C-alpha atoms as a PDB file:
ATOM      1  CA  UNK A   1     -73.661 -56.184 109.682  1.00  0.00           C
ATOM      2  CA  UNK A   2     -73.268 -55.245 106.092  1.00  0.00           C
ATOM      3  CA  UNK A   3     -72.684 -51.677 105.139  1.00  0.00           C
ATOM      4  CA  UNK A   4     -75.749 -50.345 102.865  1.00  0.00           C
ATOM      5  CA  UNK A   5     -73.890 -47.112 101.671  1.00  0.00           C
ATOM      6  CA  UNK A   6     -70.777 -46.345 100.554  1.00  0.00           C
ATOM      7  CA  UNK A   7     -68.326 -44.247 102.113  1.00  0.00           C
ATOM      8  CA  UNK A   8     -68.566 -41.217 100.598  1.00  0.00           C
ATOM      9  CA  UNK A   9     -65.062 -39.557 101.688  1.00  0.00           C
ATOM     10  CA  UNK A  10     -63.151 -42.708  99.966  1.00  0.00           C
ATOM     11  CA  UNK A  11     -65.365 -42.490  96.749  1.00  0.00           C
ATOM     12  CA  UNK A  12     -64.804 -39.037  97.000  1.00  0.00           C
ATOM     13  CA  UNK A  13     -60.698 -39.205  96.740  1.00  0.00           C
ATOM     14  CA  UNK A  14     -60.952 -42.237  94.196  1.00  0.00           C
ATOM     15  CA  UNK A  15     -62.328 -40.187  91.479  1.00  0.00           C
ATOM     16  CA  UNK A  16     -60.520 -37.187  92.670  1.00  0.00           C
ATOM     17  CA  UNK A  17     -57.149 -39.358  92.122  1.00  0.00           C
ATOM     18  CA  UNK A  18     -58.351 -39.936  88.556  1.00  0.00           C
ATOM     19  CA  UNK A  19     -56.391 -38.249  85.709  1.00  0.00           C
ATOM     20  CA  UNK A  20     -57.922 -34.856  84.639  1.00  0.00           C
ATOM     21  CA  UNK A  21     -59.442 -34.589  81.052  1.00  0.00           C
ATOM     22  CA  UNK A  22     -62.387 -34.432  79.370  1.00  0.00           C
ATOM     23  CA  UNK A  23     -64.341 -36.922  81.591  1.00  0.00           C
ATOM     24  CA  UNK A  24     -63.591 -34.798  84.861  1.00  0.00           C
ATOM     25  CA  UNK A  25     -66.930 -32.990  84.706  1.00  0.00           C
ATOM     26  CA  UNK A  26     -68.933 -36.060  83.758  1.00  0.00           C
ATOM     27  CA  UNK A  27     -67.738 -37.618  86.770  1.00  0.00           C
ATOM     28  CA  UNK A  28     -67.810 -34.531  89.318  1.00  0.00           C
ATOM     29  CA  UNK A  29     -71.696 -34.815  87.853  1.00  0.00           C
ATOM     30  CA  UNK A  30     -71.681 -38.453  88.271  1.00  0.00           C
ATOM     31  CA  UNK A  31     -70.724 -38.360  92.139  1.00  0.00           C
ATOM     32  CA  UNK A  32     -73.028 -35.557  92.676  1.00  0.00           C
ATOM     33  CA  UNK A  33     -75.698 -37.675  91.414  1.00  0.00           C
ATOM     34  CA  UNK A  34     -74.457 -40.676  93.215  1.00  0.00           C
ATOM     35  CA  UNK A  35     -74.274 -38.776  96.326  1.00  0.00           C
ATOM     36  CA  UNK A  36     -77.641 -37.878  96.276  1.00  0.00           C
ATOM     37  CA  UNK A  37     -79.246 -40.876  95.374  1.00  0.00           C
ATOM     38  CA  UNK A  38     -77.271 -43.823  96.600  1.00  0.00           C
ATOM     39  CA  UNK A  39     -77.541 -47.101  95.813  1.00  0.00           C
ATOM     40  CA  UNK A  40     -81.004 -48.417  95.402  1.00  0.00           C
ATOM     41  CA  UNK A  41     -82.362 -50.222  98.482  1.00  0.00           C
ATOM     42  CA  UNK A  42     -84.979 -53.094  98.741  1.00  0.00           C
ATOM     43  CA  UNK A  43     -87.560 -50.685  99.712  1.00  0.00           C
ATOM     44  CA  UNK A  44     -87.311 -49.265  96.287  1.00  0.00           C
ATOM     45  CA  UNK A  45     -89.849 -51.025  94.203  1.00  0.00           C
ATOM     46  CA  UNK A  46     -87.643 -51.974  91.500  1.00  0.00           C
ATOM     47  CA  UNK A  47     -84.644 -53.365  93.369  1.00  0.00           C
ATOM     48  CA  UNK A  48     -87.306 -54.683  96.293  1.00  0.00           C
ATOM     49  CA  UNK A  49     -85.767 -58.508  95.482  1.00  0.00           C
ATOM     50  CA  UNK A  50     -82.174 -57.234  94.765  1.00  0.00           C
ATOM     51  CA  UNK A  51     -80.061 -56.680  97.824  1.00  0.00           C
ATOM     52  CA  UNK A  52     -76.873 -54.988  97.024  1.00  0.00           C
ATOM     53  CA  UNK A  53     -75.390 -54.976 100.470  1.00  0.00           C
ATOM     54  CA  UNK A  54     -72.791 -57.107  99.642  1.00  0.00           C
ATOM     55  CA  UNK A  55     -72.081 -55.087  96.664  1.00  0.00           C
ATOM     56  CA  UNK A  56     -71.571 -52.480  98.618  1.00  0.00           C
ATOM     57  CA  UNK A  57     -69.273 -54.114 100.864  1.00  0.00           C
ATOM     58  CA  UNK A  58     -67.105 -55.125  98.000  1.00  0.00           C
ATOM     59  CA  UNK A  59     -67.174 -51.587  96.735  1.00  0.00           C
ATOM     60  CA  UNK A  60     -66.062 -50.192 100.481  1.00  0.00           C
ATOM     61  CA  UNK A  61     -63.469 -52.651 100.435  1.00  0.00           C
ATOM     62  CA  UNK A  62     -61.996 -51.698  97.174  1.00  0.00           C
ATOM     63  CA  UNK A  63     -62.013 -48.107  98.066  1.00  0.00           C
ATOM     64  CA  UNK A  64     -60.396 -48.446 101.240  1.00  0.00           C
ATOM     65  CA  UNK A  65     -57.673 -50.845  99.234  1.00  0.00           C
ATOM     66  CA  UNK A  66     -57.436 -48.131  96.900  1.00  0.00           C
ATOM     67  CA  UNK A  67     -56.894 -45.313  99.887  1.00  0.00           C
ATOM     68  CA  UNK A  68     -54.088 -46.937 101.245  1.00  0.00           C
ATOM     69  CA  UNK A  69     -50.496 -46.115 100.194  1.00  0.00           C
ATOM     70  CA  UNK A  70     -49.574 -49.836  99.892  1.00  0.00           C
ATOM     71  CA  UNK A  71     -52.117 -50.193  97.002  1.00  0.00           C
ATOM     72  CA  UNK A  72     -50.706 -47.251  94.811  1.00  0.00           C
ATOM     73  CA  UNK A  73     -48.043 -49.717  93.791  1.00  0.00           C
ATOM     74  CA  UNK A  74     -49.339 -52.125  91.197  1.00  0.00           C
ATOM     75  CA  UNK A  75     -46.362 -54.319  91.721  1.00  0.00           C
ATOM     76  CA  UNK A  76     -47.042 -55.189  95.172  1.00  0.00           C
ATOM     77  CA  UNK A  77     -49.655 -57.118  94.206  1.00  0.00           C
ATOM     78  CA  UNK A  78     -50.352 -60.494  92.894  1.00  0.00           C
ATOM     79  CA  UNK A  79     -53.239 -60.284  90.190  1.00  0.00           C
ATOM     80  CA  UNK A  80     -54.626 -63.433  91.087  1.00  0.00           C
ATOM     81  CA  UNK A  81     -54.850 -62.474  95.137  1.00  0.00           C
ATOM     82  CA  UNK A  82     -56.691 -59.228  94.199  1.00  0.00           C
ATOM     83  CA  UNK A  83     -59.288 -61.356  91.770  1.00  0.00           C
ATOM     84  CA  UNK A  84     -59.487 -63.751  94.436  1.00  0.00           C
ATOM     85  CA  UNK A  85     -60.088 -60.870  97.402  1.00  0.00           C
ATOM     86  CA  UNK A  86     -62.934 -59.298  95.168  1.00  0.00           C
ATOM     87  CA  UNK A  87     -64.515 -62.510  93.538  1.00  0.00           C
ATOM     88  CA  UNK A  88     -64.067 -64.750  96.670  1.00  0.00           C
ATOM     89  CA  UNK A  89     -66.558 -62.574  98.558  1.00  0.00           C
ATOM     90  CA  UNK A  90     -69.840 -63.620  96.079  1.00  0.00           C
ATOM     91  CA  UNK A  91     -71.273 -66.546  95.644  1.00  0.00           C
ATOM     92  CA  UNK A  92     -71.569 -66.596  92.165  1.00  0.00           C
ATOM     93  CA  UNK A  93     -70.274 -67.666  88.568  1.00  0.00           C
ATOM     94  CA  UNK A  94     -67.517 -65.274  87.253  1.00  0.00           C
ATOM     95  CA  UNK A  95     -66.210 -64.546  83.679  1.00  0.00           C
ATOM     96  CA  UNK A  96     -62.913 -62.129  83.956  1.00  0.00           C
ATOM     97  CA  UNK A  97     -62.300 -61.004  80.734  1.00  0.00           C
ATOM     98  CA  UNK A  98     -58.709 -59.033  80.538  1.00  0.00           C
ATOM     99  CA  UNK A  99     -57.514 -56.915  77.608  1.00  0.00           C
ATOM    100  CA  UNK A 100     -60.743 -58.372  75.752  1.00  0.00           C
ATOM    101  CA  UNK A 101     -59.517 -62.015  76.487  1.00  0.00           C
ATOM    102  CA  UNK A 102     -61.547 -64.539  78.866  1.00  0.00           C
ATOM    103  CA  UNK A 103     -58.995 -65.218  81.645  1.00  0.00           C
ATOM    104  CA  UNK A 104     -59.164 -68.541  82.812  1.00  0.00           C
END
């Protein structure tokens, strides 16, 4: 079964791990708002034909990867492998832009 909600503990840890600054208050407000409302589901009229279950599953996987100590070191990851881990789970056409340049 595909998850339909984001793991709140991992989301809070990811937001709290971001560097402090002027956006900290905005991030906290956004986290509180998202915690209250969550992802829309197919029961919401505007999202009736859009199932976000796969996006939620990818987000949870990404949050779990960020939470693991191994992912703290960027040098350990091959960019192509990381990209495929995310994009390979969803059947879609992808346009990847890195530093303002379309990546082949």
